[in-house]
Protein backbone atom coordinates (compact mmCIF):
# COMPACT_ATOMS: atom_id res chain seq x y z
CA MET A 1 88.55 74.92 113.07
CA LEU A 2 87.91 71.84 110.98
CA SER A 3 84.30 72.65 110.10
CA PHE A 4 85.16 72.44 106.38
CA TYR A 5 86.37 68.82 106.60
CA PRO A 6 83.02 67.04 107.10
CA GLN A 7 81.80 68.78 103.93
CA PHE A 8 84.59 66.99 102.04
CA TRP A 9 83.01 63.66 102.98
CA THR A 10 79.35 64.68 102.63
CA CYS A 11 79.92 66.07 99.12
CA ALA A 12 81.67 62.90 97.99
CA PHE A 13 79.41 62.44 94.98
CA ASP A 14 78.71 66.10 94.26
CA PHE A 15 80.54 66.84 91.03
CA ASP A 16 78.60 70.09 90.47
CA GLY A 17 79.38 73.38 92.05
CA ARG A 18 82.73 74.84 92.99
CA THR A 19 85.44 74.50 95.61
CA SER A 20 87.41 77.60 96.51
CA ARG A 21 91.18 77.59 96.44
CA ILE A 22 91.59 77.97 100.21
CA ASP A 23 89.08 75.20 100.99
CA TYR A 24 90.79 72.89 98.49
CA TRP A 25 94.24 73.36 99.98
CA LYS A 26 92.99 73.09 103.58
CA ILE A 27 91.44 69.72 102.77
CA VAL A 28 94.58 68.56 100.95
CA LEU A 29 96.67 69.52 103.98
CA VAL A 30 94.36 67.73 106.43
CA ASN A 31 94.34 64.60 104.23
CA LEU A 32 98.14 64.61 104.04
CA ILE A 33 98.44 64.93 107.81
CA LEU A 34 95.81 62.24 108.45
CA GLY A 35 97.44 59.93 105.93
CA GLY A 36 100.84 60.42 107.56
CA VAL A 37 99.49 59.79 111.04
CA LEU A 38 97.52 56.72 109.95
CA SER A 39 100.52 55.26 108.12
CA ARG A 40 102.58 55.55 111.33
CA ILE A 41 99.89 54.08 113.57
CA SER A 42 98.76 51.17 111.42
CA PRO A 43 100.72 50.92 108.17
CA SER A 44 98.30 48.54 106.53
CA ALA A 45 94.62 48.26 107.37
CA ILE A 46 93.44 51.70 108.51
CA TYR A 47 95.70 53.59 106.10
CA ILE A 48 94.48 51.55 103.11
CA VAL A 49 90.82 52.00 104.09
CA PHE A 50 91.34 55.77 104.44
CA GLY A 51 93.13 55.94 101.07
CA VAL A 52 90.46 53.99 99.22
CA ALA A 53 87.61 55.82 100.94
CA SER A 54 89.01 59.23 99.98
CA ILE A 55 89.32 58.49 96.24
CA CYS A 56 85.79 59.53 95.21
CA PRO A 57 85.55 62.61 97.47
CA GLY A 58 89.01 63.67 96.28
CA LEU A 59 88.06 63.28 92.64
CA ALA A 60 84.84 65.24 93.15
CA MET A 61 86.75 67.98 94.96
CA ASN A 62 89.35 68.18 92.17
CA ILE A 63 86.65 68.50 89.53
CA ARG A 64 84.86 71.21 91.52
CA ARG A 65 88.18 73.07 91.94
CA ILE A 66 88.86 72.89 88.19
CA ARG A 67 85.36 74.23 87.50
CA ASP A 68 86.01 77.04 90.01
CA THR A 69 88.96 78.21 87.89
CA GLY A 70 86.62 78.61 84.90
CA ARG A 71 87.66 75.46 83.04
CA ALA A 72 85.64 72.42 82.00
CA TRP A 73 85.80 69.32 84.21
CA GLN A 74 87.60 67.40 81.45
CA TRP A 75 90.83 69.19 82.41
CA ILE A 76 91.18 66.53 85.13
CA PHE A 77 92.58 64.24 82.42
CA ILE A 78 95.58 66.54 81.93
CA SER A 79 97.16 64.68 84.85
CA LEU A 80 97.43 61.56 82.67
CA ILE A 81 100.15 63.16 80.51
CA PRO A 82 103.47 61.65 81.59
CA PHE A 83 105.98 63.88 83.40
CA ILE A 84 104.20 67.25 83.05
CA GLY A 85 100.56 66.33 83.63
CA PHE A 86 100.77 66.44 87.42
CA PHE A 87 102.48 69.83 87.39
CA TRP A 88 100.00 71.24 84.84
CA LEU A 89 97.06 70.14 87.01
CA LEU A 90 98.78 71.61 90.06
CA TRP A 91 99.19 74.91 88.20
CA ILE A 92 95.48 74.88 87.30
CA GLU A 93 94.48 74.21 90.91
CA LEU A 94 96.67 77.08 92.13
CA GLN A 95 94.82 79.58 89.94
CA PRO A 96 92.37 82.02 91.53
CA SER A 97 88.65 81.50 91.25
CA ALA A 98 86.98 82.73 88.09
CA ASP A 99 84.17 85.27 88.19
CA ARG A 100 80.88 83.61 88.86
């Protein structure tokens, strides 16, 4: 069931390639659930380690997802625009995969 999740961690520094829409959202969902569970169990140490450890794999996965939609990786910086940047990036990540 969770065979896709170890790939999230093993491809932590792989900024090439693509991540499909379904794989992206499955990993986001698992990370949200794990983060919620870890914040309830140990609100400081384990949760902070998990959050810091998932920064680089999350960034790599976001860049691969943006590339999968047919855009350049630089679109990741759209999230830095105040107020609408997050929603614009979310819209990009919800788009279907481009033809390969």
